[in-house]
C-alpha atoms as a PDB file:
ATOM      1  CA  MET A   1      57.376 -11.841 -11.814  1.00  0.00           C
ATOM      2  CA  LYS A   2      55.229  -9.588 -12.855  1.00  0.00           C
ATOM      3  CA  LEU A   3      53.187  -9.880 -16.235  1.00  0.00           C
ATOM      4  CA  ARG A   4      51.961  -6.488 -18.942  1.00  0.00           C
ATOM      5  CA  PRO A   5      49.646  -7.317 -21.169  1.00  0.00           C
ATOM      6  CA  LEU A   6      50.752  -5.394 -24.898  1.00  0.00           C
ATOM      7  CA  ASN A   7      47.198  -3.693 -26.655  1.00  0.00           C
ATOM      8  CA  ASP A   8      44.093  -5.260 -26.348  1.00  0.00           C
ATOM      9  CA  HIS A   9      45.067  -8.012 -24.729  1.00  0.00           C
ATOM     10  CA  LEU A  10      44.170  -9.596 -20.804  1.00  0.00           C
ATOM     11  CA  VAL A  11      45.404 -11.043 -18.489  1.00  0.00           C
ATOM     12  CA  VAL A  12      42.355 -13.552 -16.311  1.00  0.00           C
ATOM     13  CA  LYS A  13      43.553 -15.542 -13.320  1.00  0.00           C
ATOM     14  CA  PRO A  14      40.905 -18.715 -14.491  1.00  0.00           C
ATOM     15  CA  LEU A  15      37.787 -18.957 -11.946  1.00  0.00           C
ATOM     16  CA  PRO A  16      37.255 -22.538 -10.059  1.00  0.00           C
ATOM     17  CA  LYS A  17      34.368 -24.727 -12.072  1.00  0.00           C
ATOM     18  CA  GLU A  18      32.066 -26.236  -9.613  1.00  0.00           C
ATOM     19  CA  GLU A  19      29.313 -28.191 -11.015  1.00  0.00           C
ATOM     20  CA  VAL A  20      26.254 -29.010  -8.908  1.00  0.00           C
ATOM     21  CA  THR A  21      24.811 -32.547  -9.090  1.00  0.00           C
ATOM     22  CA  LYS A  22      21.139 -33.235  -8.968  1.00  0.00           C
ATOM     23  CA  SER A  23      21.718 -34.772  -5.584  1.00  0.00           C
ATOM     24  CA  GLY A  24      23.352 -31.392  -4.040  1.00  0.00           C
ATOM     25  CA  ILE A  25      27.285 -33.014  -4.345  1.00  0.00           C
ATOM     26  CA  ILE A  26      29.353 -30.345  -5.579  1.00  0.00           C
ATOM     27  CA  LEU A  27      31.627 -32.077  -8.314  1.00  0.00           C
ATOM     28  CA  PRO A  28      35.252 -29.955  -8.299  1.00  0.00           C
ATOM     29  CA  ASP A  29      36.718 -28.524 -11.622  1.00  0.00           C
ATOM     30  CA  THR A  30      39.494 -31.081 -10.681  1.00  0.00           C
ATOM     31  CA  ILE A  31      37.047 -33.947 -12.455  1.00  0.00           C
ATOM     32  CA  ASN A  32      36.463 -32.232 -15.135  1.00  0.00           C
ATOM     33  CA  LYS A  33      39.797 -31.111 -16.145  1.00  0.00           C
ATOM     34  CA  GLU A  34      38.059 -28.272 -19.433  1.00  0.00           C
ATOM     35  CA  ARG A  35      39.134 -25.546 -20.707  1.00  0.00           C
ATOM     36  CA  PRO A  36      37.759 -22.741 -18.372  1.00  0.00           C
ATOM     37  CA  GLU A  37      35.597 -20.061 -20.402  1.00  0.00           C
ATOM     38  CA  GLN A  38      35.312 -17.405 -17.067  1.00  0.00           C
ATOM     39  CA  GLY A  39      38.030 -15.627 -15.365  1.00  0.00           C
ATOM     40  CA  GLU A  40      38.993 -12.966 -12.954  1.00  0.00           C
ATOM     41  CA  VAL A  41      40.610 -10.066 -15.548  1.00  0.00           C
ATOM     42  CA  ILE A  42      44.160  -9.084 -13.444  1.00  0.00           C
ATOM     43  CA  ALA A  43      45.504  -6.055 -16.022  1.00  0.00           C
ATOM     44  CA  VAL A  44      45.302  -5.511 -19.597  1.00  0.00           C
ATOM     45  CA  GLY A  45      47.111  -3.243 -22.625  1.00  0.00           C
ATOM     46  CA  PRO A  46      46.705  -0.052 -22.920  1.00  0.00           C
ATOM     47  CA  GLY A  47      44.568  -1.390 -25.937  1.00  0.00           C
ATOM     48  CA  ARG A  48      44.943  -0.963 -29.178  1.00  0.00           C
ATOM     49  CA  LEU A  49      45.937   0.967 -32.162  1.00  0.00           C
ATOM     50  CA  GLU A  50      43.989   1.757 -34.734  1.00  0.00           C
ATOM     51  CA  GLU A  51      44.765   5.043 -37.310  1.00  0.00           C
ATOM     52  CA  GLY A  52      47.745   5.842 -34.884  1.00  0.00           C
ATOM     53  CA  LYS A  53      45.294   6.220 -31.697  1.00  0.00           C
ATOM     54  CA  ARG A  54      44.123   3.539 -28.814  1.00  0.00           C
ATOM     55  CA  VAL A  55      41.044   2.389 -28.739  1.00  0.00           C
ATOM     56  CA  GLU A  56      39.510   2.148 -24.847  1.00  0.00           C
ATOM     57  CA  MET A  57      39.371  -1.513 -23.635  1.00  0.00           C
ATOM     58  CA  SER A  58      36.128  -2.167 -22.752  1.00  0.00           C
ATOM     59  CA  VAL A  59      37.390  -4.499 -19.851  1.00  0.00           C
ATOM     60  CA  LYS A  60      38.473  -3.487 -16.716  1.00  0.00           C
ATOM     61  CA  VAL A  61      40.636  -5.259 -13.628  1.00  0.00           C
ATOM     62  CA  GLY A  62      38.437  -7.301 -11.783  1.00  0.00           C
ATOM     63  CA  ASP A  63      35.653  -7.765 -13.773  1.00  0.00           C
ATOM     64  CA  LYS A  64      34.475 -11.174 -14.239  1.00  0.00           C
ATOM     65  CA  VAL A  65      34.611 -11.835 -17.981  1.00  0.00           C
ATOM     66  CA  MET A  66      33.894 -14.954 -20.157  1.00  0.00           C
ATOM     67  CA  PHE A  67      35.606 -15.607 -22.801  1.00  0.00           C
ATOM     68  CA  LYS A  68      36.360 -17.536 -25.798  1.00  0.00           C
ATOM     69  CA  LYS A  69      37.198 -21.425 -24.805  1.00  0.00           C
ATOM     70  CA  TYR A  70      39.458 -22.333 -26.851  1.00  0.00           C
ATOM     71  CA  ALA A  71      41.002 -18.691 -27.795  1.00  0.00           C
ATOM     72  CA  PRO A  72      43.588 -18.275 -24.448  1.00  0.00           C
ATOM     73  CA  ASP A  73      47.253 -18.577 -24.120  1.00  0.00           C
ATOM     74  CA  GLU A  74      47.694 -20.681 -21.403  1.00  0.00           C
ATOM     75  CA  VAL A  75      51.109 -18.847 -18.948  1.00  0.00           C
ATOM     76  CA  LYS A  76      52.272 -20.527 -15.358  1.00  0.00           C
ATOM     77  CA  ILE A  77      54.458 -17.635 -13.607  1.00  0.00           C
ATOM     78  CA  ASP A  78      55.547 -19.043 -10.092  1.00  0.00           C
ATOM     79  CA  ASP A  79      52.883 -22.281 -10.057  1.00  0.00           C
ATOM     80  CA  VAL A  80      49.919 -20.622 -11.258  1.00  0.00           C
ATOM     81  CA  GLU A  81      48.132 -20.452 -14.252  1.00  0.00           C
ATOM     82  CA  TYR A  82      46.691 -17.375 -16.657  1.00  0.00           C
ATOM     83  CA  LEU A  83      45.519 -17.270 -19.703  1.00  0.00           C
ATOM     84  CA  VAL A  84      46.020 -14.676 -21.843  1.00  0.00           C
ATOM     85  CA  ILE A  85      43.634 -13.198 -24.064  1.00  0.00           C
ATOM     86  CA  ALA A  86      42.346 -10.750 -27.142  1.00  0.00           C
ATOM     87  CA  GLU A  87      39.776  -8.972 -25.782  1.00  0.00           C
ATOM     88  CA  HIS A  88      38.086  -9.114 -28.800  1.00  0.00           C
ATOM     89  CA  ASP A  89      37.886 -13.515 -27.597  1.00  0.00           C
ATOM     90  CA  VAL A  90      35.369 -11.559 -24.280  1.00  0.00           C
ATOM     91  CA  PHE A  91      32.460 -11.643 -25.237  1.00  0.00           C
ATOM     92  CA  ALA A  92      31.074 -10.440 -21.997  1.00  0.00           C
ATOM     93  CA  VAL A  93      31.141  -9.472 -17.982  1.00  0.00           C
ATOM     94  CA  ILE A  94      30.175 -11.316 -15.207  1.00  0.00           C
ATOM     95  CA  GLU A  95      28.092  -8.512 -13.254  1.00  0.00           C
END
Protein backbone atom coordinates (compact mmCIF):
# COMPACT_ATOMS: atom_id res chain seq x y z
CA MET A 1 0.00 0.00 0.00
CA LYS A 2 1.22 3.50 -0.80
CA LEU A 3 0.30 6.75 0.95
CA ARG A 4 -0.29 9.90 -1.11
CA PRO A 5 -0.86 12.88 1.19
CA LEU A 6 -3.36 15.56 0.22
CA ASN A 7 -3.05 19.35 0.26
CA ASP A 8 -0.39 20.57 2.72
CA HIS A 9 0.18 17.25 4.50
CA LEU A 10 3.29 15.11 4.50
CA VAL A 11 4.10 11.54 5.46
CA VAL A 12 7.09 11.11 7.75
CA LYS A 13 8.96 8.04 8.95
CA PRO A 14 10.01 8.68 12.56
CA LEU A 15 13.74 8.72 13.24
CA PRO A 16 14.89 6.51 16.12
CA LYS A 17 15.71 8.57 19.16
CA GLU A 18 18.82 7.24 20.85
CA GLU A 19 20.18 8.87 23.93
CA VAL A 20 23.73 8.51 25.26
CA THR A 21 24.37 8.64 28.99
CA LYS A 22 27.38 10.47 30.46
CA SER A 23 29.21 7.16 30.70
CA GLY A 24 28.63 6.45 26.99
CA ILE A 25 25.82 3.89 27.27
CA ILE A 26 23.36 4.17 24.36
CA LEU A 27 19.71 3.98 25.38
CA PRO A 28 17.55 2.92 22.39
CA ASP A 29 14.19 4.56 21.77
CA THR A 30 12.39 1.44 23.08
CA ILE A 31 13.38 2.35 26.65
CA ASN A 32 11.51 5.64 26.64
CA LYS A 33 8.41 5.43 24.45
CA GLU A 34 7.75 9.14 24.06
CA ARG A 35 6.25 10.51 20.89
CA PRO A 36 8.84 11.26 18.19
CA GLU A 37 9.75 14.83 17.27
CA GLN A 38 11.98 14.13 14.25
CA GLY A 39 11.56 12.15 11.07
CA GLU A 40 12.37 11.74 7.40
CA VAL A 41 9.84 12.94 4.83
CA ILE A 42 8.79 10.12 2.51
CA ALA A 43 5.87 11.80 0.70
CA VAL A 44 4.50 15.33 0.34
CA GLY A 45 1.17 16.65 -0.84
CA PRO A 46 0.80 19.19 -3.66
CA GLY A 47 0.40 22.12 -1.25
CA ARG A 48 -2.55 24.03 0.15
CA LEU A 49 -4.99 25.99 -1.96
CA GLU A 50 -4.96 29.72 -1.35
CA GLU A 51 -7.27 31.93 -3.42
CA GLY A 52 -7.55 29.21 -6.06
CA LYS A 53 -3.78 28.70 -6.45
CA ARG A 54 -1.49 26.04 -5.01
CA VAL A 55 1.12 27.20 -2.52
CA GLU A 56 4.30 25.16 -3.01
CA MET A 57 5.47 22.99 -0.11
CA SER A 58 8.63 24.14 1.69
CA VAL A 59 9.83 20.56 2.39
CA LYS A 60 10.63 17.76 -0.03
CA VAL A 61 11.00 14.00 0.04
CA GLY A 62 14.21 13.01 1.83
CA ASP A 63 14.32 16.03 4.17
CA LYS A 64 14.82 15.32 7.86
CA VAL A 65 12.45 17.51 9.83
CA MET A 66 11.57 18.51 13.38
CA PHE A 67 7.90 18.88 14.25
CA LYS A 68 5.55 19.50 17.17
CA LYS A 69 5.47 16.53 19.52
CA TYR A 70 1.70 16.00 19.59
CA ALA A 71 0.87 17.21 16.05
CA PRO A 72 1.24 14.02 13.96
CA ASP A 73 -1.40 11.38 13.39
CA GLU A 74 0.09 7.90 13.59
CA VAL A 75 -0.71 5.31 10.92
CA LYS A 76 0.57 1.76 10.56
CA ILE A 77 0.89 0.15 7.14
CA ASP A 78 2.40 -3.31 6.64
CA ASP A 79 3.73 -3.22 10.24
CA VAL A 80 5.61 0.04 9.63
CA GLU A 81 4.66 3.17 11.57
CA TYR A 82 4.34 6.48 9.74
CA LEU A 83 3.28 9.94 10.81
CA VAL A 84 0.98 12.25 8.86
CA ILE A 85 1.69 15.91 9.61
CA ALA A 86 0.37 19.22 8.34
CA GLU A 87 3.15 21.42 6.95
CA HIS A 88 2.44 24.18 9.49
CA ASP A 89 3.37 21.76 12.32
CA VAL A 90 6.90 21.33 10.92
CA PHE A 91 9.20 23.98 12.38
CA ALA A 92 12.67 23.06 11.06
CA VAL A 93 14.58 21.08 8.44
CA ILE A 94 17.67 19.31 9.86
CA GLU A 95 20.73 19.85 7.65
